[in-house]
Amino acid sequence: MSDQPSQFDAIVIGSGVTGGWAAKELTEKGLRVLMLDRGRMVEHGKDYKGEHMPPWKVPFRGKPLRELYADEYAVQSTNYAFDETTRHFYNNDKDNPYATDPDEFTWYRADVVGGKSLLWGRQVYRWSDLDFEANKRDGHGIDWPIRYRDIEPWYSYVEKFIGVSGQSENLPHLPDSEFLPPMEMSVVEKHLKAGIERHFPERKMTIGRVAVLTQPHKGRAACHYCGPCQRGCSAGAYFSTQSSTLPAARRTGNLTLKSDCVVAGIDYDADTKRASGVRVIDANSKQRTTYTAQLIFLCASTVGSTQLLLNSRSASFPNGLANSSGVLGHYLMDHMIGSGGIGFVPGFEHKTTYGWRPNGIYIPRFRNLKGQDDDAGFVRGYGYQGSAFQASGFGMASQVPGFGAEFKHALRKPGPWGMYLSGFAECLPYEHNSIELDQGKPDRFGIPQVRFRFRFGDNEEHMRADISAQVEKMLTRAGAINVTSFGGKPVGGTAIHEMGTARMGSDPAESVLNRWNQSHDVPNLFVTDGSCMTSASCVNPSLTYMALTARAVDYAVKQFRQGLM
């Protein structure tokens, strides 16, 4: 590391969806940029080891390696996308632990360049003023310093680059995007959509809005429905840092990318009142280096960025960099998932589908759209994600009648169709939900481990009950049979939509960042990942992160050009 240049115009910490966007925008505006990531390098295409691996080549036919997983991947192996075709993307929990019991908060994390942009579900939805005004309207949390009009052009800017497949619905509380052609619903989904909208006219069922291409776009190929996207997409059909923003940044010639770089802290110069450097540890050699720049964009994920700021202590900021307000680390949020329902839909046994559609359906929020519903019993709301599925005969063997050869032949036929709906509920910003550092438990780099303190409140519990009750009503009235609801104890982090902890706000006394994602305390520091969020909405947040990042870079570079950094 010591042989490399140490001075840049800007440093981007993290390479996920926001880090990739920060690097793209900064380099395209002519700045010399250093991107740092603690994970291993993953090159687009060639390092997607499990992408097209046939089932017979997956070790042990995809069964878990129980001893290995229990010893080294106790947390990560519980993630839906984790198996032997993706394990190389994930964090090793034994090498990189955190101090909290996973039953309180589950921290899923990648350990590669590109981060969770290689593993995410790619659902992308715009927020509306129903979301940006929520805190002010019902008094939970502080008011956002921006409104939809401030971010609307940046949503369009991002969508035109990443490519978003979806269907326009003209819903004021879920604004339409710049859409590529939508993916098609299955015949069963269309049937249930008609039934739900007939019996519940105020509710809409639409195809998911997803950052997966349905036609060639900006040098990337259209999706060919080949298989589990989390293994990697060499065609570039789904948006990731590797397929989209990183190539754009590299084309400028202004990017230096360093993998295996653990950022231990950000230095602060009390004389200039600016961040002066970034302290880095080589993950392999443990060699230490400091890089300097006039601009720093912190995009290391909600938890990673908060850990870094809390660990960047000085005489000026004894409780963490940019933390004069004392709110850094507090107001942690995640969507509450795990409640929903399943029903079976008769009459379609002769129908089947081919290919692997990387998308589902979406039922947008319908609760508390115009003030609080009289019968809701909670503030804010939730939406449903899900899809129709056709159970295989072998998967439904206990429900297939017969015996002997006739029974075996029956198992080869397509099984019954069902519909799965899962609620995504908004979590209120509670001060007690927080991230802190356990000074008594350093990791292998000497950095204090993260400790979470998190629990969902009564408002989320009331929503959880309503999610189950409403899904039963909708599926039953739409024609499904044998409808059952589900819902265990929700655990924070399982939606992988952690946000908050370095929130935006107008008042420096109660927020970390201003309306431009700029630190109130440290003007050359910008934080644009999920930690900046002031509330959670109930829709997937990644599109908003990307739009806020592009907007923040535009502002930061203008300030940089004027010599204000």
Protein backbone atom coordinates (compact mmCIF):
# COMPACT_ATOMS: atom_id res chain seq x y z
CA MET A 1 0.00 0.00 0.00
CA SER A 2 2.77 2.45 0.83
CA ASP A 3 3.96 2.47 -2.80
CA GLN A 4 0.60 3.75 -4.04
CA PRO A 5 -0.54 7.39 -4.35
CA SER A 6 -2.09 8.60 -1.12
CA GLN A 7 -3.68 11.91 -2.21
CA PHE A 8 -6.98 12.03 -4.13
CA ASP A 9 -9.76 14.52 -4.78
CA ALA A 10 -12.31 12.20 -3.22
CA ILE A 11 -12.41 8.95 -1.29
CA VAL A 12 -15.42 6.64 -1.46
CA ILE A 13 -15.65 4.12 1.38
CA GLY A 14 -17.71 1.12 0.30
CA SER A 15 -18.60 -0.28 -3.11
CA GLY A 16 -22.23 -1.38 -2.86
CA VAL A 17 -25.15 0.35 -4.55
CA THR A 18 -24.31 3.76 -3.06
CA GLY A 19 -20.53 3.47 -3.19
CA GLY A 20 -20.74 2.47 -6.83
CA TRP A 21 -22.95 5.45 -7.60
CA ALA A 22 -20.70 7.85 -5.71
CA ALA A 23 -17.64 6.62 -7.62
CA LYS A 24 -19.43 6.83 -10.97
CA GLU A 25 -20.70 10.36 -10.41
CA LEU A 26 -17.49 11.73 -8.92
CA THR A 27 -15.23 10.31 -11.64
CA GLU A 28 -17.55 11.38 -14.44
CA LYS A 29 -17.38 14.91 -13.05
CA GLY A 30 -13.60 14.80 -13.39
CA LEU A 31 -12.45 14.09 -9.83
CA ARG A 32 -9.64 11.65 -9.03
CA VAL A 33 -11.34 9.06 -6.82
CA LEU A 34 -10.11 6.31 -4.52
CA MET A 35 -12.68 3.61 -3.76
CA LEU A 36 -11.95 1.46 -0.71
CA ASP A 37 -13.65 -1.81 0.19
CA ARG A 38 -12.83 -4.28 2.94
CA GLY A 39 -13.94 -7.23 0.80
CA ARG A 40 -12.21 -9.37 -1.78
CA MET A 41 -12.16 -8.39 -5.43
CA VAL A 42 -14.89 -9.84 -7.64
CA GLU A 43 -14.55 -9.27 -11.38
CA HIS A 44 -17.76 -9.14 -13.37
CA GLY A 45 -18.54 -12.47 -15.01
CA LYS A 46 -15.41 -14.47 -14.37
CA ASP A 47 -15.79 -14.58 -10.58
CA TYR A 48 -19.43 -15.68 -10.54
CA LYS A 49 -18.42 -19.24 -9.74
CA GLY A 50 -21.91 -20.56 -9.12
CA GLU A 51 -23.76 -18.68 -11.86
CA HIS A 52 -24.71 -21.54 -14.16
CA MET A 53 -23.68 -24.44 -11.96
CA PRO A 54 -26.08 -27.35 -12.63
CA PRO A 55 -27.65 -29.04 -9.63
CA TRP A 56 -25.53 -32.17 -10.02
CA LYS A 57 -22.35 -30.11 -9.60
CA VAL A 58 -23.42 -28.27 -6.46
CA PRO A 59 -21.63 -29.95 -3.52
CA PHE A 60 -23.91 -32.41 -1.76
CA ARG A 61 -26.72 -31.38 -4.14
CA GLY A 62 -27.11 -28.10 -2.31
CA LYS A 63 -27.53 -29.54 1.17
CA PRO A 64 -25.94 -27.39 3.90
CA LEU A 65 -22.43 -28.19 5.09
CA ARG A 66 -23.66 -28.22 8.65
CA GLU A 67 -20.40 -28.25 10.61
CA LEU A 68 -18.78 -25.58 8.43
CA TYR A 69 -21.85 -23.36 8.46
CA ALA A 70 -22.31 -23.66 12.22
CA ASP A 71 -18.66 -22.86 12.87
CA GLU A 72 -17.96 -20.11 10.32
CA TYR A 73 -21.27 -18.88 8.87
CA ALA A 74 -23.73 -19.17 11.74
CA VAL A 75 -25.48 -15.91 10.80
CA GLN A 76 -24.95 -15.68 7.05
CA SER A 77 -26.10 -19.26 6.40
CA THR A 78 -29.61 -18.32 7.56
CA ASN A 79 -29.97 -15.91 4.63
CA TYR A 80 -32.23 -17.05 1.77
CA ALA A 81 -29.48 -16.50 -0.84
CA PHE A 82 -26.72 -18.37 1.00
CA ASP A 83 -25.56 -21.76 -0.27
CA GLU A 84 -22.50 -23.30 -1.89
CA THR A 85 -23.08 -21.32 -5.10
CA THR A 86 -22.88 -17.98 -3.25
CA ARG A 87 -20.87 -18.62 -0.08
CA HIS A 88 -17.80 -16.96 -1.62
CA PHE A 89 -19.67 -13.62 -1.60
CA TYR A 90 -20.52 -13.70 2.11
CA ASN A 91 -18.89 -12.59 5.32
CA ASN A 92 -17.20 -15.25 7.44
CA ASP A 93 -18.84 -14.85 10.85
CA LYS A 94 -16.01 -16.56 12.70
CA ASP A 95 -13.41 -14.17 11.27
CA ASN A 96 -15.65 -11.10 11.46
CA PRO A 97 -18.06 -11.45 14.39
CA TYR A 98 -20.36 -8.93 16.00
CA ALA A 99 -21.28 -8.81 19.66
CA THR A 100 -25.08 -9.16 19.53
CA ASP A 101 -27.18 -12.29 19.76
CA PRO A 102 -28.66 -12.86 16.25
CA ASP A 103 -32.07 -13.34 17.87
CA GLU A 104 -32.01 -9.61 18.66
CA PHE A 105 -30.66 -8.34 15.34
CA THR A 106 -29.34 -10.23 12.33
CA TRP A 107 -26.55 -8.58 10.36
CA TYR A 108 -26.24 -10.04 6.87
CA ARG A 109 -23.21 -8.78 4.99
CA ALA A 110 -21.18 -9.49 1.92
CA ASP A 111 -17.39 -9.58 2.00
CA VAL A 112 -16.58 -8.67 -1.59
CA VAL A 113 -16.28 -5.64 -3.81
CA GLY A 114 -19.81 -4.83 -4.95
CA GLY A 115 -21.18 -5.77 -1.55
CA LYS A 116 -24.83 -6.69 -1.38
CA SER A 117 -25.44 -5.27 -4.87
CA LEU A 118 -24.49 -8.80 -5.96
CA LEU A 119 -27.04 -10.41 -3.66
CA TRP A 120 -29.98 -8.04 -3.29
CA GLY A 121 -33.54 -8.73 -4.43
CA ARG A 122 -33.45 -5.72 -6.84
CA GLN A 123 -36.91 -4.41 -5.91
CA VAL A 124 -36.93 -0.65 -6.55
CA TYR A 125 -39.74 1.72 -5.59
CA ARG A 126 -39.96 5.48 -5.31
CA TRP A 127 -40.98 7.11 -2.07
CA SER A 128 -43.70 9.76 -2.05
CA ASP A 129 -44.59 12.62 0.26
CA LEU A 130 -46.73 10.14 2.19
CA ASP A 131 -43.30 8.90 3.34
CA PHE A 132 -41.29 12.12 3.49
CA GLU A 133 -44.02 13.88 5.51
CA ALA A 134 -44.85 10.96 7.81
CA ASN A 135 -42.69 11.96 10.76
CA LYS A 136 -44.05 15.49 10.80
CA ARG A 137 -47.62 14.29 10.35
CA ASP A 138 -47.80 11.80 13.21
CA GLY A 139 -45.00 13.06 15.46
CA HIS A 140 -42.74 10.02 15.39
CA GLY A 141 -39.14 11.04 14.68
CA ILE A 142 -38.01 14.37 13.23
CA ASP A 143 -39.15 15.91 9.96
CA TRP A 144 -37.28 15.07 6.78
CA PRO A 145 -35.39 18.09 5.38
CA ILE A 146 -36.50 17.17 1.85
CA ARG A 147 -39.70 16.34 0.00
CA TYR A 148 -40.51 14.29 -3.08
CA ARG A 149 -40.02 17.26 -5.41
CA ASP A 150 -36.39 17.50 -4.24
CA ILE A 151 -35.54 13.94 -5.17
CA GLU A 152 -37.94 13.29 -8.09
CA PRO A 153 -35.45 14.31 -10.85
CA TRP A 154 -32.76 12.17 -9.24
CA TYR A 155 -35.05 9.14 -9.19
CA SER A 156 -35.46 9.59 -12.95
CA TYR A 157 -31.73 10.10 -13.42
CA VAL A 158 -30.88 6.88 -11.60
CA GLU A 159 -33.66 4.82 -13.19
CA LYS A 160 -32.63 5.77 -16.71
CA PHE A 161 -29.18 4.39 -16.00
CA ILE A 162 -29.90 1.23 -14.00
CA GLY A 163 -32.96 0.11 -15.97
CA VAL A 164 -36.20 -0.56 -14.08
CA SER A 165 -38.84 -2.99 -15.31
CA GLY A 166 -42.35 -2.26 -14.12
CA GLN A 167 -45.92 -1.22 -14.81
CA SER A 168 -47.26 2.33 -14.46
CA GLU A 169 -50.18 2.47 -12.02
CA ASN A 170 -50.66 6.22 -11.41
CA LEU A 171 -50.74 5.87 -7.62
CA PRO A 172 -49.93 9.10 -5.78
CA HIS A 173 -48.46 7.21 -2.81
CA LEU A 174 -46.23 5.04 -5.04
CA PRO A 175 -45.00 7.26 -7.91
CA ASP A 176 -44.25 5.60 -11.22
CA SER A 177 -40.68 5.22 -12.42
CA GLU A 178 -38.95 5.50 -15.80
CA PHE A 179 -40.00 2.02 -16.83
CA LEU A 180 -38.73 -0.59 -19.22
CA PRO A 181 -41.43 -3.08 -20.30
CA PRO A 182 -42.86 -4.98 -17.33
CA MET A 183 -42.39 -8.67 -16.72
CA GLU A 184 -45.55 -10.71 -17.15
CA MET A 185 -47.64 -12.03 -14.33
CA SER A 186 -48.50 -15.72 -14.36
CA VAL A 187 -52.05 -16.74 -15.21
CA VAL A 188 -52.75 -17.43 -11.54
CA GLU A 189 -51.44 -14.02 -10.48
CA LYS A 190 -53.64 -12.36 -13.09
CA HIS A 191 -56.62 -14.32 -11.78
CA LEU A 192 -55.97 -13.27 -8.19
CA LYS A 193 -55.26 -9.67 -9.20
CA ALA A 194 -58.71 -9.47 -10.78
CA GLY A 195 -60.34 -10.98 -7.71
CA ILE A 196 -58.54 -8.78 -5.20
CA GLU A 197 -59.21 -5.57 -7.11
CA ARG A 198 -62.86 -6.51 -7.63
CA HIS A 199 -63.50 -7.08 -3.93
CA PHE A 200 -61.10 -4.39 -2.69
CA PRO A 201 -61.23 -1.53 -5.23
CA GLU A 202 -58.87 0.61 -3.17
CA ARG A 203 -56.13 -2.04 -3.41
CA LYS A 204 -53.89 -2.64 -6.39
CA MET A 205 -51.84 -5.66 -7.34
CA THR A 206 -49.02 -5.00 -9.79
CA ILE A 207 -45.92 -6.72 -11.08
CA GLY A 208 -42.85 -5.93 -9.00
CA ARG A 209 -40.69 -2.97 -9.97
CA VAL A 210 -37.29 -4.48 -10.38
CA ALA A 211 -33.79 -3.42 -11.48
CA VAL A 212 -33.61 -6.21 -14.03
CA LEU A 213 -33.60 -5.47 -17.76
CA THR A 214 -36.39 -6.70 -20.02
CA GLN A 215 -34.62 -5.33 -23.09
CA PRO A 216 -31.00 -4.44 -23.91
CA HIS A 217 -29.98 -1.28 -22.11
CA LYS A 218 -26.74 0.72 -22.09
CA GLY A 219 -24.59 -2.18 -23.21
CA ARG A 220 -26.20 -4.72 -20.89
CA ALA A 221 -28.24 -7.67 -22.13
CA ALA A 222 -31.87 -8.40 -21.31
CA CYS A 223 -32.72 -11.00 -18.71
CA HIS A 224 -33.06 -14.50 -20.10
CA TYR A 225 -34.69 -15.99 -16.98
CA CYS A 226 -31.88 -18.44 -16.42
CA GLY A 227 -31.80 -18.95 -12.69
CA PRO A 228 -31.05 -17.64 -9.20
CA CYS A 229 -29.75 -14.10 -9.71
CA GLN A 230 -27.78 -14.02 -6.47
CA ARG A 231 -25.17 -16.27 -8.04
CA GLY A 232 -24.16 -13.40 -10.34
CA CYS A 233 -25.27 -12.24 -13.78
CA SER A 234 -22.54 -12.15 -16.41
CA ALA A 235 -25.05 -10.77 -18.92
CA GLY A 236 -25.43 -7.72 -16.71
CA ALA A 237 -29.20 -7.96 -16.84
CA TYR A 238 -29.58 -7.15 -13.18
CA PHE A 239 -28.13 -3.99 -11.70
CA SER A 240 -25.00 -4.35 -9.60
CA THR A 241 -21.88 -2.33 -9.02
CA GLN A 242 -19.93 -4.80 -11.18
CA SER A 243 -22.30 -4.66 -14.15
CA SER A 244 -23.11 -0.95 -14.15
CA THR A 245 -21.54 1.76 -12.02
CA LEU A 246 -18.02 0.33 -11.70
CA PRO A 247 -17.48 0.00 -15.49
CA ALA A 248 -18.75 3.56 -15.92
CA ALA A 249 -16.32 4.86 -13.31
CA ARG A 250 -13.42 2.88 -14.78
CA ARG A 251 -14.06 4.29 -18.26
CA THR A 252 -13.22 7.77 -17.02
CA GLY A 253 -9.67 6.80 -16.09
CA ASN A 254 -10.16 8.64 -12.78
CA LEU A 255 -10.80 5.66 -10.50
CA THR A 256 -8.41 3.81 -8.22
CA LEU A 257 -10.06 0.79 -6.60
CA LYS A 258 -8.52 -0.99 -3.64
CA SER A 259 -10.05 -4.17 -2.25
CA ASP A 260 -9.11 -5.92 1.02
CA CYS A 261 -8.86 -2.51 2.69
CA VAL A 262 -10.41 -2.25 6.14
CA VAL A 263 -11.10 1.37 7.03
CA ALA A 264 -10.35 1.78 10.72
CA GLY A 265 -11.14 5.47 11.09
CA ILE A 266 -11.50 8.91 9.57
CA ASP A 267 -9.10 11.57 10.85
CA TYR A 268 -10.35 15.05 11.73
CA ASP A 269 -8.35 18.29 11.58
CA ALA A 270 -9.60 20.61 14.33
CA ASP A 271 -7.92 23.62 12.71
CA THR A 272 -9.63 23.31 9.32
CA LYS A 273 -12.74 21.63 10.78
CA ARG A 274 -12.53 19.08 7.98
CA ALA A 275 -11.95 15.35 7.68
CA SER A 276 -8.29 15.09 6.74
CA GLY A 277 -7.64 11.43 6.01
CA VAL A 278 -8.79 7.84 6.03
CA ARG A 279 -6.86 5.23 8.03
CA VAL A 280 -6.75 1.84 6.31
CA ILE A 281 -5.59 -1.64 7.33
CA ASP A 282 -4.65 -4.17 4.67
CA ALA A 283 -6.89 -7.17 5.37
CA ASN A 284 -4.13 -9.62 4.46
CA SER A 285 -0.83 -8.06 5.56
CA LYS A 286 -2.28 -5.84 8.37
CA GLN A 287 -0.13 -2.99 6.99
CA ARG A 288 -1.51 0.44 7.85
CA THR A 289 -1.80 3.39 5.46
CA THR A 290 -3.48 6.78 5.50
CA TYR A 291 -5.08 8.28 2.38
CA THR A 292 -6.10 11.90 2.09
CA ALA A 293 -8.69 13.72 -0.01
CA GLN A 294 -10.74 16.89 0.03
CA LEU A 295 -14.05 14.99 -0.17
CA ILE A 296 -15.07 11.83 1.64
CA PHE A 297 -18.18 9.83 0.74
CA LEU A 298 -19.08 7.24 3.34
CA CYS A 299 -21.07 4.44 1.72
CA ALA A 300 -20.13 1.41 3.81
CA SER A 301 -23.74 0.36 4.62
CA THR A 302 -25.80 1.52 7.57
CA VAL A 303 -23.97 -0.63 10.09
CA GLY A 304 -20.51 -0.32 8.57
CA SER A 305 -20.68 3.45 8.27
CA THR A 306 -21.99 3.89 11.78
CA GLN A 307 -19.30 1.62 13.18
CA LEU A 308 -16.65 3.66 11.38
CA LEU A 309 -17.98 7.04 12.56
CA LEU A 310 -18.31 5.84 16.16
CA ASN A 311 -14.74 4.52 16.02
CA SER A 312 -13.40 7.81 14.61
CA ARG A 313 -13.04 9.54 17.95
CA SER A 314 -10.95 12.60 18.69
CA ALA A 315 -10.72 15.46 21.16
CA SER A 316 -13.21 17.33 18.99
CA PHE A 317 -15.58 14.36 18.74
CA PRO A 318 -15.08 12.07 21.75
CA ASN A 319 -18.33 10.19 21.00
CA GLY A 320 -17.69 9.62 17.33
CA LEU A 321 -17.00 11.76 14.28
CA ALA A 322 -19.78 14.18 13.29
CA ASN A 323 -21.69 13.35 16.47
CA SER A 324 -22.11 16.69 18.25
CA SER A 325 -25.86 15.94 18.30
CA GLY A 326 -25.40 12.65 20.15
CA VAL A 327 -27.88 10.89 17.85
CA LEU A 328 -25.29 8.92 15.86
CA GLY A 329 -26.07 5.23 16.23
CA HIS A 330 -29.65 5.78 17.37
CA TYR A 331 -32.98 5.39 15.52
CA LEU A 332 -31.98 2.14 13.81
CA MET A 333 -34.80 0.83 11.60
CA ASP A 334 -35.54 -2.22 9.48
CA HIS A 335 -38.69 -3.38 7.77
CA MET A 336 -40.65 -5.93 9.74
CA ILE A 337 -41.15 -9.10 7.72
CA GLY A 338 -42.16 -12.67 8.48
CA SER A 339 -45.95 -12.30 8.47
CA GLY A 340 -48.24 -13.12 5.58
CA GLY A 341 -50.29 -15.92 4.13
CA ILE A 342 -50.55 -18.75 1.61
CA GLY A 343 -53.57 -20.04 -0.28
CA PHE A 344 -54.12 -22.56 -3.06
CA VAL A 345 -55.88 -21.69 -6.29
CA PRO A 346 -57.87 -24.47 -7.96
CA GLY A 347 -58.58 -24.75 -11.66
CA PHE A 348 -55.12 -24.12 -13.08
CA GLU A 349 -53.48 -27.51 -12.72
CA HIS A 350 -53.14 -27.79 -16.51
CA LYS A 351 -51.12 -24.56 -16.65
CA THR A 352 -47.39 -24.23 -16.05
CA THR A 353 -44.57 -21.74 -16.55
CA TYR A 354 -41.03 -22.01 -17.90
CA GLY A 355 -37.89 -20.21 -16.86
CA TRP A 356 -37.06 -18.37 -13.66
CA ARG A 357 -38.70 -14.97 -13.42
CA PRO A 358 -36.52 -12.83 -11.11
CA ASN A 359 -39.47 -10.89 -9.78
CA GLY A 360 -42.76 -11.21 -7.97
CA ILE A 361 -45.90 -9.16 -7.46
CA TYR A 362 -46.48 -6.15 -5.26
CA ILE A 363 -49.55 -4.93 -3.40
CA PRO A 364 -48.79 -1.33 -2.38
CA ARG A 365 -49.74 0.11 0.97
CA PHE A 366 -53.46 0.67 1.44
CA ARG A 367 -53.63 1.53 5.14
CA ASN A 368 -53.61 5.11 6.49
CA LEU A 369 -53.31 6.77 3.09
CA LYS A 370 -55.46 9.75 4.09
CA GLY A 371 -54.90 10.08 7.80
CA GLN A 372 -55.31 7.16 10.14
CA ASP A 373 -57.88 4.47 9.36
CA ASP A 374 -60.52 4.12 12.05
CA ASP A 375 -60.01 0.36 12.24
CA ALA A 376 -56.26 0.16 11.64
CA GLY A 377 -55.05 0.55 15.21
CA PHE A 378 -51.61 1.78 14.12
CA VAL A 379 -49.86 4.55 12.19
CA ARG A 380 -48.00 4.16 8.87
CA GLY A 381 -48.54 0.98 6.89
CA TYR A 382 -47.25 -1.99 4.95
CA GLY A 383 -47.20 -3.57 1.50
CA TYR A 384 -47.14 -7.16 0.30
CA GLN A 385 -44.60 -8.92 -1.86
CA GLY A 386 -45.02 -12.44 -3.15
CA SER A 387 -45.76 -14.64 -6.12
CA ALA A 388 -47.82 -17.53 -7.36
CA PHE A 389 -46.07 -20.88 -7.35
CA GLN A 390 -46.78 -24.32 -8.71
CA ALA A 391 -45.92 -27.05 -6.27
CA SER A 392 -44.28 -30.09 -7.79
CA GLY A 393 -45.93 -33.42 -7.33
CA PHE A 394 -43.01 -34.65 -5.22
CA GLY A 395 -43.22 -31.55 -3.06
CA MET A 396 -46.91 -32.24 -2.44
CA ALA A 397 -46.63 -36.00 -2.09
CA SER A 398 -48.61 -36.09 1.15
CA GLN A 399 -51.60 -34.53 -0.62
CA VAL A 400 -51.54 -36.71 -3.72
CA PRO A 401 -53.87 -39.72 -3.51
CA GLY A 402 -52.96 -43.19 -4.74
CA PHE A 403 -50.58 -46.07 -4.14
CA GLY A 404 -47.89 -47.95 -6.03
CA ALA A 405 -47.14 -47.26 -9.67
CA GLU A 406 -50.21 -45.06 -10.15
CA PHE A 407 -49.12 -42.92 -7.21
CA LYS A 408 -45.56 -42.58 -8.58
CA HIS A 409 -46.83 -41.50 -12.00
CA ALA A 410 -49.12 -38.94 -10.37
CA LEU A 411 -46.12 -37.36 -8.68
CA ARG A 412 -44.63 -36.57 -12.08
CA LYS A 413 -47.50 -34.31 -13.01
CA PRO A 414 -47.51 -30.59 -12.19
CA GLY A 415 -48.90 -29.94 -8.77
CA PRO A 416 -51.49 -27.44 -7.57
CA TRP A 417 -51.00 -23.70 -7.76
CA GLY A 418 -50.64 -21.56 -4.69
CA MET A 419 -50.11 -17.90 -3.83
CA TYR A 420 -47.63 -16.58 -1.28
CA LEU A 421 -47.88 -13.05 0.14
CA SER A 422 -45.51 -11.59 2.73
CA GLY A 423 -45.91 -8.22 4.42
CA PHE A 424 -43.22 -5.54 4.58
CA ALA A 425 -44.14 -3.19 7.41
CA GLU A 426 -42.70 0.20 8.28
CA CYS A 427 -40.75 0.46 11.52
CA LEU A 428 -41.00 3.71 13.44
CA PRO A 429 -37.78 5.54 14.37
CA TYR A 430 -37.22 4.67 18.04
CA GLU A 431 -34.30 6.19 19.92
CA HIS A 432 -33.69 2.96 21.85
CA ASN A 433 -33.01 1.00 18.65
CA SER A 434 -29.32 1.57 18.25
CA ILE A 435 -25.85 0.54 17.21
CA GLU A 436 -22.95 0.91 19.62
CA LEU A 437 -19.37 -0.34 19.89
CA ASP A 438 -18.31 -2.99 22.38
CA GLN A 439 -14.93 -1.64 23.46
CA GLY A 440 -14.17 -4.89 25.29
CA LYS A 441 -14.54 -6.98 22.14
CA PRO A 442 -12.17 -5.87 19.39
CA ASP A 443 -12.16 -7.71 16.08
CA ARG A 444 -9.03 -9.15 14.46
CA PHE A 445 -8.10 -5.64 13.25
CA GLY A 446 -8.44 -4.11 16.69
CA ILE A 447 -11.73 -2.36 15.84
CA PRO A 448 -14.47 -2.65 18.50
CA GLN A 449 -17.23 -5.01 17.46
CA VAL A 450 -20.74 -3.80 16.74
CA ARG A 451 -23.46 -4.34 19.31
CA PHE A 452 -27.13 -3.89 18.40
CA ARG A 453 -29.97 -2.98 20.73
CA PHE A 454 -33.19 -3.48 18.84
CA ARG A 455 -36.82 -4.40 19.29
CA PHE A 456 -39.95 -3.70 17.32
CA GLY A 457 -42.62 -1.68 19.14
CA ASP A 458 -46.35 -2.00 19.74
CA ASN A 459 -47.13 -0.20 16.49
CA GLU A 460 -45.31 -2.84 14.47
CA GLU A 461 -46.97 -5.62 16.47
CA HIS A 462 -50.40 -4.21 15.60
CA MET A 463 -49.39 -4.09 11.95
CA ARG A 464 -48.21 -7.69 12.11
CA ALA A 465 -51.65 -8.83 13.20
CA ASP A 466 -53.31 -6.77 10.48
CA ILE A 467 -50.99 -8.17 7.79
CA SER A 468 -52.16 -11.69 8.59
CA ALA A 469 -55.84 -10.75 8.88
CA GLN A 470 -55.92 -8.81 5.62
CA VAL A 471 -54.05 -11.43 3.61
CA GLU A 472 -56.59 -14.06 4.63
CA LYS A 473 -59.46 -11.79 3.54
CA MET A 474 -57.88 -10.93 0.20
CA LEU A 475 -56.90 -14.45 -0.82
CA THR A 476 -60.20 -15.97 0.29
CA ARG A 477 -62.37 -13.43 -1.51
CA ALA A 478 -60.20 -13.68 -4.61
CA GLY A 479 -60.92 -17.41 -4.86
CA ALA A 480 -58.09 -19.15 -3.03
CA ILE A 481 -58.78 -22.14 -0.81
CA ASN A 482 -57.08 -23.60 2.26
CA VAL A 483 -55.82 -20.13 3.12
CA THR A 484 -53.55 -19.94 6.13
CA SER A 485 -51.61 -17.05 7.63
CA PHE A 486 -48.19 -17.19 9.20
CA GLY A 487 -46.14 -14.94 11.43
CA GLY A 488 -43.46 -15.72 13.98
CA LYS A 489 -41.55 -13.34 16.20
CA PRO A 490 -39.94 -10.70 13.95
CA VAL A 491 -36.20 -10.11 14.28
CA GLY A 492 -34.54 -6.88 13.21
CA GLY A 493 -32.16 -7.12 10.28
CA THR A 494 -33.88 -10.03 8.55
CA ALA A 495 -35.38 -7.76 5.87
CA ILE A 496 -31.79 -6.57 5.16
CA HIS A 497 -33.16 -3.02 4.94
CA GLU A 498 -31.35 -1.61 7.96
CA MET A 499 -31.37 2.18 7.94
CA GLY A 500 -31.20 5.23 10.18
CA THR A 501 -28.43 5.88 12.79
CA ALA A 502 -26.94 8.95 10.98
CA ARG A 503 -30.19 10.61 10.05
CA MET A 504 -30.83 13.68 7.91
CA GLY A 505 -32.50 16.72 9.43
CA SER A 506 -32.63 20.50 9.43
CA ASP A 507 -31.49 20.97 13.02
CA PRO A 508 -27.84 20.04 13.80
CA ALA A 509 -28.85 19.45 17.41
CA GLU A 510 -30.99 16.44 16.49
CA SER A 511 -29.50 15.08 13.25
CA VAL A 512 -26.15 14.08 11.77
CA LEU A 513 -26.67 15.16 8.15
CA ASN A 514 -28.28 18.08 6.34
CA ARG A 515 -30.57 18.00 3.31
CA TRP A 516 -27.60 17.25 1.01
CA ASN A 517 -26.39 14.23 3.03
CA GLN A 518 -23.57 16.46 4.24
CA SER A 519 -22.39 16.27 7.84
CA HIS A 520 -23.52 19.26 9.88
CA ASP A 521 -20.22 19.10 11.78
CA VAL A 522 -17.74 18.10 9.07
CA PRO A 523 -18.54 19.84 5.76
CA ASN A 524 -16.38 17.63 3.51
CA LEU A 525 -17.98 14.42 4.81
CA PHE A 526 -21.05 13.00 3.06
CA VAL A 527 -22.97 9.87 4.11
CA THR A 528 -25.37 8.48 1.51
CA ASP A 529 -26.07 4.85 2.43
CA GLY A 530 -29.02 3.68 4.49
CA SER A 531 -27.72 5.28 7.66
CA CYS A 532 -28.91 8.68 6.36
CA MET A 533 -32.60 7.77 6.46
CA THR A 534 -34.91 9.70 8.78
CA SER A 535 -37.81 7.26 8.49
CA ALA A 536 -38.28 3.87 6.88
CA SER A 537 -41.39 3.91 4.65
CA CYS A 538 -42.60 0.38 3.86
CA VAL A 539 -41.06 0.02 0.40
CA ASN A 540 -37.60 -1.24 -0.48
CA PRO A 541 -35.17 1.64 0.08
CA SER A 542 -32.24 1.05 -2.31
CA LEU A 543 -33.55 3.25 -5.12
CA THR A 544 -33.82 6.14 -2.67
CA TYR A 545 -30.25 5.55 -1.48
CA MET A 546 -29.00 5.74 -5.07
CA ALA A 547 -30.98 8.88 -5.89
CA LEU A 548 -29.78 10.60 -2.71
CA THR A 549 -26.19 9.64 -3.58
CA ALA A 550 -26.34 11.11 -7.10
CA ARG A 551 -27.95 14.25 -5.69
CA ALA A 552 -25.33 14.59 -2.96
CA VAL A 553 -22.44 14.20 -5.41
CA ASP A 554 -23.87 16.90 -7.65
CA TYR A 555 -24.00 19.28 -4.69
CA ALA A 556 -20.60 18.26 -3.29
CA VAL A 557 -18.75 18.72 -6.57
CA LYS A 558 -20.24 22.20 -7.03
CA GLN A 559 -18.98 23.05 -3.55
CA PHE A 560 -15.61 21.50 -4.39
CA ARG A 561 -15.30 23.61 -7.55
CA GLN A 562 -15.99 26.74 -5.51
CA GLY A 563 -13.19 25.86 -3.10
CA LEU A 564 -15.56 25.29 -0.19
CA MET A 565 -14.22 21.85 0.64
